[in-house]
Amino acid sequence: MGRWHSIAAKKASWDANKSRIYSIVGKKIQIAAKNGADPKMNPALEMMLEKARYHGLPKDVVERAILKGSGQLEGEEMKEVFYEGYGPNGSALLIKTVTSNTNRTSQSVRTALQKAGGSMAEIGAVSRQFKEQGLIVIDGKTEMVEDKGRQLEKITPFDPETLEMEIMELPIEDLHIEGQTAEVYSSKNDFIELRKAIAELGYHIAEADIHFFADNQISLSGEDREIFDHILEALNDDEDVDQVYHNLTE
């Protein structure tokens, strides 16, 4: 399988903490809404609203985030800020945060790294080891069915051969299919249009976002792996941390 599994594992750990999900997704909606409150005119906001529906964010949380981001309601300005760090034996971490207070977040990330056995890296020392790509995860075909007078979305299995044939006509960089999960990778520039084209083909998108993937991966074992896992746990406990990308094989 492709590289989605490590990101999916992060999502699974978040499922046990709904308030954490609501906070991070709400902040990202606020950032996206800076470019307009109408999702039809703002693809980034449309994508975040889909993510909000997927995670079951309450309507009032979503609406408040849109109002704050678009300037219709007073609120702190949210930013995406990246930090870079080292773990044991050549392991590298690219830490994506969503914050309104960079001083607080910087100190928090530094403390989490140091206490767990890692260290902060200079800007650019780690990020150059990663490639930024769009990732779209497909888990079925979308079919609208009528149930008691209501139109409901039904997700049905896709045919792998048909999907591959159709997807290969689009501007993709890579494709991995295993069972009823397909990972479609694209350049950052093609991501929005590719996501739209896949949806128009009738495929159900379980996840779509821009991620960072290490050009070269390493493996750790024994005490080094324990230290690295402790670092990941400490960072993921930080309420401002959105994603932690790293160069380890799973």
C-alpha atoms as a PDB file:
ATOM      1  CA  MET A   1       0.000   0.000   0.000  1.00  0.00           C
ATOM      2  CA  GLY A   2       1.068   3.604  -0.352  1.00  0.00           C
ATOM      3  CA  ARG A   3       1.843   6.199   2.264  1.00  0.00           C
ATOM      4  CA  TRP A   4      -1.686   6.948   3.458  1.00  0.00           C
ATOM      5  CA  HIS A   5      -1.517   4.422   6.301  1.00  0.00           C
ATOM      6  CA  SER A   6       0.631   6.583   8.580  1.00  0.00           C
ATOM      7  CA  ILE A   7      -1.681   9.584   8.160  1.00  0.00           C
ATOM      8  CA  ALA A   8      -4.735   7.364   8.639  1.00  0.00           C
ATOM      9  CA  ALA A   9      -3.230   6.081  11.875  1.00  0.00           C
ATOM     10  CA  LYS A  10      -3.024   9.674  13.096  1.00  0.00           C
ATOM     11  CA  LYS A  11      -6.691  10.192  12.233  1.00  0.00           C
ATOM     12  CA  ALA A  12      -7.659   7.015  14.080  1.00  0.00           C
ATOM     13  CA  SER A  13      -5.917   8.255  17.204  1.00  0.00           C
ATOM     14  CA  TRP A  14      -7.809  11.534  16.909  1.00  0.00           C
ATOM     15  CA  ASP A  15     -11.166   9.746  16.772  1.00  0.00           C
ATOM     16  CA  ALA A  16     -10.835   9.161  20.494  1.00  0.00           C
ATOM     17  CA  ASN A  17     -10.632  12.927  21.052  1.00  0.00           C
ATOM     18  CA  LYS A  18     -13.426  14.695  19.200  1.00  0.00           C
ATOM     19  CA  SER A  19     -12.736  18.058  20.847  1.00  0.00           C
ATOM     20  CA  ARG A  20      -9.206  17.961  19.411  1.00  0.00           C
ATOM     21  CA  ILE A  21     -10.557  17.299  15.918  1.00  0.00           C
ATOM     22  CA  TYR A  22     -13.128  20.074  16.219  1.00  0.00           C
ATOM     23  CA  SER A  23     -10.443  22.530  17.336  1.00  0.00           C
ATOM     24  CA  ILE A  24      -7.949  21.789  14.542  1.00  0.00           C
ATOM     25  CA  VAL A  25     -10.516  21.560  11.725  1.00  0.00           C
ATOM     26  CA  GLY A  26     -12.257  24.685  13.014  1.00  0.00           C
ATOM     27  CA  LYS A  27      -8.955  26.594  12.888  1.00  0.00           C
ATOM     28  CA  LYS A  28      -8.282  25.372   9.339  1.00  0.00           C
ATOM     29  CA  ILE A  29     -11.770  26.451   8.244  1.00  0.00           C
ATOM     30  CA  GLN A  30     -11.005  29.877   9.689  1.00  0.00           C
ATOM     31  CA  ILE A  31      -7.784  30.103   7.659  1.00  0.00           C
ATOM     32  CA  ALA A  32      -9.532  28.985   4.460  1.00  0.00           C
ATOM     33  CA  ALA A  33     -12.352  31.512   4.973  1.00  0.00           C
ATOM     34  CA  LYS A  34      -9.870  34.389   4.729  1.00  0.00           C
ATOM     35  CA  ASN A  35     -10.304  34.109   0.950  1.00  0.00           C
ATOM     36  CA  GLY A  36     -14.097  34.343   1.134  1.00  0.00           C
ATOM     37  CA  ALA A  37     -17.041  32.886   3.017  1.00  0.00           C
ATOM     38  CA  ASP A  38     -18.722  31.344  -0.052  1.00  0.00           C
ATOM     39  CA  PRO A  39     -17.414  27.795  -0.635  1.00  0.00           C
ATOM     40  CA  LYS A  40     -18.602  27.914  -4.257  1.00  0.00           C
ATOM     41  CA  MET A  41     -16.060  30.668  -4.874  1.00  0.00           C
ATOM     42  CA  ASN A  42     -13.426  29.346  -2.471  1.00  0.00           C
ATOM     43  CA  PRO A  43     -12.202  25.783  -3.247  1.00  0.00           C
ATOM     44  CA  ALA A  44     -10.015  25.655  -0.126  1.00  0.00           C
ATOM     45  CA  LEU A  45     -13.015  26.421   2.081  1.00  0.00           C
ATOM     46  CA  GLU A  46     -15.156  23.899   0.199  1.00  0.00           C
ATOM     47  CA  MET A  47     -12.545  21.224   0.878  1.00  0.00           C
ATOM     48  CA  MET A  48     -12.396  22.087   4.591  1.00  0.00           C
ATOM     49  CA  LEU A  49     -16.197  21.985   4.853  1.00  0.00           C
ATOM     50  CA  GLU A  50     -16.117  18.483   3.393  1.00  0.00           C
ATOM     51  CA  LYS A  51     -13.547  17.550   6.043  1.00  0.00           C
ATOM     52  CA  ALA A  52     -15.800  19.083   8.713  1.00  0.00           C
ATOM     53  CA  ARG A  53     -18.737  16.955   7.538  1.00  0.00           C
ATOM     54  CA  TYR A  54     -16.545  13.862   7.489  1.00  0.00           C
ATOM     55  CA  HIS A  55     -15.511  14.438  11.104  1.00  0.00           C
ATOM     56  CA  GLY A  56     -19.023  15.448  12.181  1.00  0.00           C
ATOM     57  CA  LEU A  57     -18.248  18.996  13.312  1.00  0.00           C
ATOM     58  CA  PRO A  58     -21.284  20.728  14.825  1.00  0.00           C
ATOM     59  CA  LYS A  59     -22.907  23.314  12.572  1.00  0.00           C
ATOM     60  CA  ASP A  60     -22.325  26.156  15.040  1.00  0.00           C
ATOM     61  CA  VAL A  61     -18.577  25.394  15.216  1.00  0.00           C
ATOM     62  CA  VAL A  62     -18.322  25.540  11.417  1.00  0.00           C
ATOM     63  CA  GLU A  63     -20.376  28.714  11.057  1.00  0.00           C
ATOM     64  CA  ARG A  64     -18.423  30.522  13.778  1.00  0.00           C
ATOM     65  CA  ALA A  65     -15.114  29.579  12.157  1.00  0.00           C
ATOM     66  CA  ILE A  66     -16.284  30.909   8.779  1.00  0.00           C
ATOM     67  CA  LEU A  67     -17.446  34.189  10.316  1.00  0.00           C
ATOM     68  CA  LYS A  68     -14.145  34.663  12.159  1.00  0.00           C
ATOM     69  CA  GLY A  69     -12.030  33.821   9.143  1.00  0.00           C
ATOM     70  CA  SER A  70     -13.964  36.086   6.785  1.00  0.00           C
ATOM     71  CA  GLY A  71     -13.832  39.001   9.239  1.00  0.00           C
ATOM     72  CA  GLN A  72     -17.535  39.022  10.048  1.00  0.00           C
ATOM     73  CA  LEU A  73     -16.879  38.045  13.661  1.00  0.00           C
ATOM     74  CA  GLU A  74     -14.012  39.153  15.865  1.00  0.00           C
ATOM     75  CA  GLY A  75     -11.466  36.449  16.591  1.00  0.00           C
ATOM     76  CA  GLU A  76      -7.768  35.651  16.771  1.00  0.00           C
ATOM     77  CA  GLU A  77      -5.920  35.345  13.471  1.00  0.00           C
ATOM     78  CA  MET A  78      -4.951  31.761  12.718  1.00  0.00           C
ATOM     79  CA  LYS A  79      -1.796  30.790  10.836  1.00  0.00           C
ATOM     80  CA  GLU A  80      -0.229  27.592   9.576  1.00  0.00           C
ATOM     81  CA  VAL A  81       3.324  27.416  10.905  1.00  0.00           C
ATOM     82  CA  PHE A  82       5.895  24.663  10.328  1.00  0.00           C
ATOM     83  CA  TYR A  83       8.596  23.601  12.761  1.00  0.00           C
ATOM     84  CA  GLU A  84      11.419  21.164  12.099  1.00  0.00           C
ATOM     85  CA  GLY A  85      12.980  18.662  14.431  1.00  0.00           C
ATOM     86  CA  TYR A  86      15.303  15.714  14.850  1.00  0.00           C
ATOM     87  CA  GLY A  87      14.771  12.399  16.569  1.00  0.00           C
ATOM     88  CA  PRO A  88      17.328   9.654  17.187  1.00  0.00           C
ATOM     89  CA  ASN A  89      19.732   8.251  14.599  1.00  0.00           C
ATOM     90  CA  GLY A  90      18.924  10.433  11.581  1.00  0.00           C
ATOM     91  CA  SER A  91      15.154  10.597  12.041  1.00  0.00           C
ATOM     92  CA  ALA A  92      13.560  13.864  10.918  1.00  0.00           C
ATOM     93  CA  LEU A  93      10.247  15.522  11.703  1.00  0.00           C
ATOM     94  CA  LEU A  94       8.288  18.226   9.897  1.00  0.00           C
ATOM     95  CA  ILE A  95       5.677  19.570  12.303  1.00  0.00           C
ATOM     96  CA  LYS A  96       2.648  21.420  10.921  1.00  0.00           C
ATOM     97  CA  THR A  97       0.773  23.574  13.422  1.00  0.00           C
ATOM     98  CA  VAL A  98      -2.300  25.804  13.307  1.00  0.00           C
ATOM     99  CA  THR A  99      -1.994  28.592  15.821  1.00  0.00           C
ATOM    100  CA  SER A 100      -2.894  32.138  16.798  1.00  0.00           C
ATOM    101  CA  ASN A 101       0.185  32.501  19.012  1.00  0.00           C
ATOM    102  CA  THR A 102       3.464  31.506  17.383  1.00  0.00           C
ATOM    103  CA  ASN A 103       5.521  32.278  20.501  1.00  0.00           C
ATOM    104  CA  ARG A 104       3.441  29.871  22.579  1.00  0.00           C
ATOM    105  CA  THR A 105       3.446  27.171  19.916  1.00  0.00           C
ATOM    106  CA  SER A 106       7.167  27.433  19.220  1.00  0.00           C
ATOM    107  CA  GLN A 107       8.008  27.034  22.888  1.00  0.00           C
ATOM    108  CA  SER A 108       5.511  24.201  23.287  1.00  0.00           C
ATOM    109  CA  VAL A 109       6.933  22.267  20.320  1.00  0.00           C
ATOM    110  CA  ARG A 110      10.511  22.836  21.503  1.00  0.00           C
ATOM    111  CA  THR A 111       9.659  21.610  25.009  1.00  0.00           C
ATOM    112  CA  ALA A 112       7.819  18.535  23.704  1.00  0.00           C
ATOM    113  CA  LEU A 113      10.782  17.590  21.519  1.00  0.00           C
ATOM    114  CA  GLN A 114      13.413  18.080  24.201  1.00  0.00           C
ATOM    115  CA  LYS A 115      11.514  16.266  26.948  1.00  0.00           C
ATOM    116  CA  ALA A 116      10.886  13.281  24.670  1.00  0.00           C
ATOM    117  CA  GLY A 117      14.494  12.999  23.503  1.00  0.00           C
ATOM    118  CA  GLY A 118      14.476  15.061  20.316  1.00  0.00           C
ATOM    119  CA  SER A 119      15.606  18.554  19.342  1.00  0.00           C
ATOM    120  CA  MET A 120      14.585  21.488  17.175  1.00  0.00           C
ATOM    121  CA  ALA A 121      16.247  21.824  13.776  1.00  0.00           C
ATOM    122  CA  GLU A 122      17.227  24.942  11.866  1.00  0.00           C
ATOM    123  CA  ILE A 123      14.703  26.191   9.318  1.00  0.00           C
ATOM    124  CA  GLY A 124      15.176  24.290   6.051  1.00  0.00           C
ATOM    125  CA  ALA A 125      17.343  21.544   7.522  1.00  0.00           C
ATOM    126  CA  VAL A 126      14.472  19.054   7.522  1.00  0.00           C
ATOM    127  CA  SER A 127      11.916  20.470   5.090  1.00  0.00           C
ATOM    128  CA  ARG A 128      14.221  19.988   2.098  1.00  0.00           C
ATOM    129  CA  GLN A 129      13.985  16.231   2.694  1.00  0.00           C
ATOM    130  CA  PHE A 130      10.229  16.272   2.028  1.00  0.00           C
ATOM    131  CA  LYS A 131       8.116  16.615  -1.089  1.00  0.00           C
ATOM    132  CA  GLU A 132       4.773  18.415  -0.951  1.00  0.00           C
ATOM    133  CA  GLN A 133       1.988  16.519  -2.740  1.00  0.00           C
ATOM    134  CA  GLY A 134      -1.755  16.395  -2.923  1.00  0.00           C
ATOM    135  CA  LEU A 135      -3.295  13.162  -1.665  1.00  0.00           C
ATOM    136  CA  ILE A 136      -6.841  12.086  -2.489  1.00  0.00           C
ATOM    137  CA  VAL A 137      -8.169   8.886  -0.933  1.00  0.00           C
ATOM    138  CA  ILE A 138     -11.064   7.135  -2.702  1.00  0.00           C
ATOM    139  CA  ASP A 139     -13.113   4.515  -0.867  1.00  0.00           C
ATOM    140  CA  GLY A 140     -16.010   3.856  -3.236  1.00  0.00           C
ATOM    141  CA  LYS A 141     -18.482   5.173  -5.784  1.00  0.00           C
ATOM    142  CA  THR A 142     -21.154   7.670  -4.783  1.00  0.00           C
ATOM    143  CA  GLU A 143     -24.745   6.842  -5.604  1.00  0.00           C
ATOM    144  CA  MET A 144     -27.805   8.908  -4.650  1.00  0.00           C
ATOM    145  CA  VAL A 145     -30.760   6.780  -3.565  1.00  0.00           C
ATOM    146  CA  GLU A 146     -34.254   7.702  -2.456  1.00  0.00           C
ATOM    147  CA  ASP A 147     -35.361   6.626   0.999  1.00  0.00           C
ATOM    148  CA  LYS A 148     -38.774   7.660   2.306  1.00  0.00           C
ATOM    149  CA  GLY A 149     -38.825  10.676   0.035  1.00  0.00           C
ATOM    150  CA  ARG A 150     -35.293  11.762   0.909  1.00  0.00           C
ATOM    151  CA  GLN A 151     -32.212  11.692  -1.288  1.00  0.00           C
ATOM    152  CA  LEU A 152     -29.407   9.885   0.522  1.00  0.00           C
ATOM    153  CA  GLU A 153     -25.809   9.251  -0.456  1.00  0.00           C
ATOM    154  CA  LYS A 154     -24.904   5.584  -0.793  1.00  0.00           C
ATOM    155  CA  ILE A 155     -21.293   4.461  -1.142  1.00  0.00           C
ATOM    156  CA  THR A 156     -20.827   1.383  -3.315  1.00  0.00           C
ATOM    157  CA  PRO A 157     -17.641  -0.548  -4.290  1.00  0.00           C
ATOM    158  CA  PHE A 158     -15.622   0.716  -7.242  1.00  0.00           C
ATOM    159  CA  ASP A 159     -14.132  -1.401 -10.003  1.00  0.00           C
ATOM    160  CA  PRO A 160     -10.314  -1.111  -9.721  1.00  0.00           C
ATOM    161  CA  GLU A 161      -9.687  -1.512 -13.461  1.00  0.00           C
ATOM    162  CA  THR A 162     -12.246   1.145 -14.380  1.00  0.00           C
ATOM    163  CA  LEU A 163     -10.913   3.514 -11.729  1.00  0.00           C
ATOM    164  CA  GLU A 164      -7.343   3.085 -12.937  1.00  0.00           C
ATOM    165  CA  MET A 165      -8.352   3.693 -16.543  1.00  0.00           C
ATOM    166  CA  GLU A 166     -10.277   6.859 -15.673  1.00  0.00           C
ATOM    167  CA  ILE A 167      -7.736   8.240 -13.202  1.00  0.00           C
ATOM    168  CA  MET A 168      -4.823   7.770 -15.598  1.00  0.00           C
ATOM    169  CA  GLU A 169      -6.479  10.319 -17.898  1.00  0.00           C
ATOM    170  CA  LEU A 170      -6.109  12.960 -15.180  1.00  0.00           C
ATOM    171  CA  PRO A 171      -3.000  14.925 -14.056  1.00  0.00           C
ATOM    172  CA  ILE A 172      -1.763  12.512 -11.386  1.00  0.00           C
ATOM    173  CA  GLU A 173       1.747  11.735 -10.168  1.00  0.00           C
ATOM    174  CA  ASP A 174       1.095   8.327  -8.621  1.00  0.00           C
ATOM    175  CA  LEU A 175      -1.691   5.849  -7.891  1.00  0.00           C
ATOM    176  CA  HIS A 176      -1.946   3.004  -5.376  1.00  0.00           C
ATOM    177  CA  ILE A 177      -4.978   0.691  -5.224  1.00  0.00           C
ATOM    178  CA  GLU A 178      -5.469  -1.948  -2.576  1.00  0.00           C
ATOM    179  CA  GLY A 179      -8.881  -3.506  -2.084  1.00  0.00           C
ATOM    180  CA  GLN A 180     -11.457  -0.738  -1.926  1.00  0.00           C
ATOM    181  CA  THR A 181      -9.002   2.045  -1.101  1.00  0.00           C
ATOM    182  CA  ALA A 182      -7.226   4.075  -3.760  1.00  0.00           C
ATOM    183  CA  GLU A 183      -4.564   6.699  -3.076  1.00  0.00           C
ATOM    184  CA  VAL A 184      -4.171   9.311  -5.793  1.00  0.00           C
ATOM    185  CA  TYR A 185      -1.151  11.629  -5.615  1.00  0.00           C
ATOM    186  CA  SER A 186      -0.778  14.907  -7.469  1.00  0.00           C
ATOM    187  CA  SER A 187       1.335  18.031  -7.577  1.00  0.00           C
ATOM    188  CA  LYS A 188       0.236  20.820  -5.267  1.00  0.00           C
ATOM    189  CA  ASN A 189      -0.787  22.944  -8.260  1.00  0.00           C
ATOM    190  CA  ASP A 190      -3.038  20.243  -9.772  1.00  0.00           C
ATOM    191  CA  PHE A 191      -4.605  19.172  -6.483  1.00  0.00           C
ATOM    192  CA  ILE A 192      -7.805  21.279  -6.444  1.00  0.00           C
ATOM    193  CA  GLU A 193      -8.741  20.553 -10.060  1.00  0.00           C
ATOM    194  CA  LEU A 194      -7.896  16.850  -9.694  1.00  0.00           C
ATOM    195  CA  ARG A 195     -10.067  16.528  -6.599  1.00  0.00           C
ATOM    196  CA  LYS A 196     -12.946  18.171  -8.488  1.00  0.00           C
ATOM    197  CA  ALA A 197     -12.491  15.890 -11.508  1.00  0.00           C
ATOM    198  CA  ILE A 198     -12.493  12.741  -9.343  1.00  0.00           C
ATOM    199  CA  ALA A 199     -15.686  13.831  -7.609  1.00  0.00           C
ATOM    200  CA  GLU A 200     -17.315  14.524 -10.983  1.00  0.00           C
ATOM    201  CA  LEU A 201     -16.472  10.959 -12.033  1.00  0.00           C
ATOM    202  CA  GLY A 202     -18.701   9.798  -9.182  1.00  0.00           C
ATOM    203  CA  TYR A 203     -16.047   8.556  -6.765  1.00  0.00           C
ATOM    204  CA  HIS A 204     -16.428   9.041  -3.034  1.00  0.00           C
ATOM    205  CA  ILE A 205     -13.501  10.944  -1.509  1.00  0.00           C
ATOM    206  CA  ALA A 206     -12.710   9.872   2.035  1.00  0.00           C
ATOM    207  CA  GLU A 207      -9.821  12.305   2.474  1.00  0.00           C
ATOM    208  CA  ALA A 208      -8.208  15.046   0.423  1.00  0.00           C
ATOM    209  CA  ASP A 209      -5.419  17.347   1.516  1.00  0.00           C
ATOM    210  CA  ILE A 210      -1.888  18.534   0.858  1.00  0.00           C
ATOM    211  CA  HIS A 211       0.723  16.448   2.700  1.00  0.00           C
ATOM    212  CA  PHE A 212       4.504  16.157   2.928  1.00  0.00           C
ATOM    213  CA  PHE A 213       6.295  12.901   2.159  1.00  0.00           C
ATOM    214  CA  ALA A 214       9.940  12.085   2.819  1.00  0.00           C
ATOM    215  CA  ASP A 215      12.102  11.536  -0.264  1.00  0.00           C
ATOM    216  CA  ASN A 216      14.116   8.879   1.572  1.00  0.00           C
ATOM    217  CA  GLN A 217      12.940   6.795   4.504  1.00  0.00           C
ATOM    218  CA  ILE A 218      14.892   5.146   7.297  1.00  0.00           C
ATOM    219  CA  SER A 219      14.051   2.496   9.875  1.00  0.00           C
ATOM    220  CA  LEU A 220      14.594   2.526  13.631  1.00  0.00           C
ATOM    221  CA  SER A 221      14.486  -0.315  16.118  1.00  0.00           C
ATOM    222  CA  GLY A 222      14.918  -0.970  19.810  1.00  0.00           C
ATOM    223  CA  GLU A 223      15.507   2.031  22.058  1.00  0.00           C
ATOM    224  CA  ASP A 224      15.732   4.450  19.119  1.00  0.00           C
ATOM    225  CA  ARG A 225      12.247   3.487  17.969  1.00  0.00           C
ATOM    226  CA  GLU A 226      10.880   3.835  21.498  1.00  0.00           C
ATOM    227  CA  ILE A 227      12.328   7.338  21.772  1.00  0.00           C
ATOM    228  CA  PHE A 228      10.899   8.303  18.374  1.00  0.00           C
ATOM    229  CA  ASP A 229       7.433   7.000  19.269  1.00  0.00           C
ATOM    230  CA  HIS A 230       7.612   8.984  22.509  1.00  0.00           C
ATOM    231  CA  ILE A 231       8.449  12.119  20.508  1.00  0.00           C
ATOM    232  CA  LEU A 232       5.456  11.559  18.214  1.00  0.00           C
ATOM    233  CA  GLU A 233       3.165  11.031  21.190  1.00  0.00           C
ATOM    234  CA  ALA A 234       4.387  14.220  22.888  1.00  0.00           C
ATOM    235  CA  LEU A 235       3.931  16.320  19.733  1.00  0.00           C
ATOM    236  CA  ASN A 236       0.499  14.901  18.959  1.00  0.00           C
ATOM    237  CA  ASP A 237      -0.637  15.833  22.462  1.00  0.00           C
ATOM    238  CA  ASP A 238      -0.085  19.507  21.604  1.00  0.00           C
ATOM    239  CA  GLU A 239      -3.421  21.137  20.780  1.00  0.00           C
ATOM    240  CA  ASP A 240      -1.833  23.314  18.069  1.00  0.00           C
ATOM    241  CA  VAL A 241      -0.222  20.430  16.157  1.00  0.00           C
ATOM    242  CA  ASP A 242      -2.103  19.451  13.009  1.00  0.00           C
ATOM    243  CA  GLN A 243       0.245  16.895  11.432  1.00  0.00           C
ATOM    244  CA  VAL A 244       3.657  15.439  12.155  1.00  0.00           C
ATOM    245  CA  TYR A 245       5.422  14.199   9.039  1.00  0.00           C
ATOM    246  CA  HIS A 246       8.528  12.063   9.361  1.00  0.00           C
ATOM    247  CA  ASN A 247      11.006   9.973   7.395  1.00  0.00           C
ATOM    248  CA  LEU A 248      10.455   6.592   9.089  1.00  0.00           C
ATOM    249  CA  THR A 249       9.200   3.476   7.434  1.00  0.00           C
ATOM    250  CA  GLU A 250       6.271   1.957   9.301  1.00  0.00           C
END
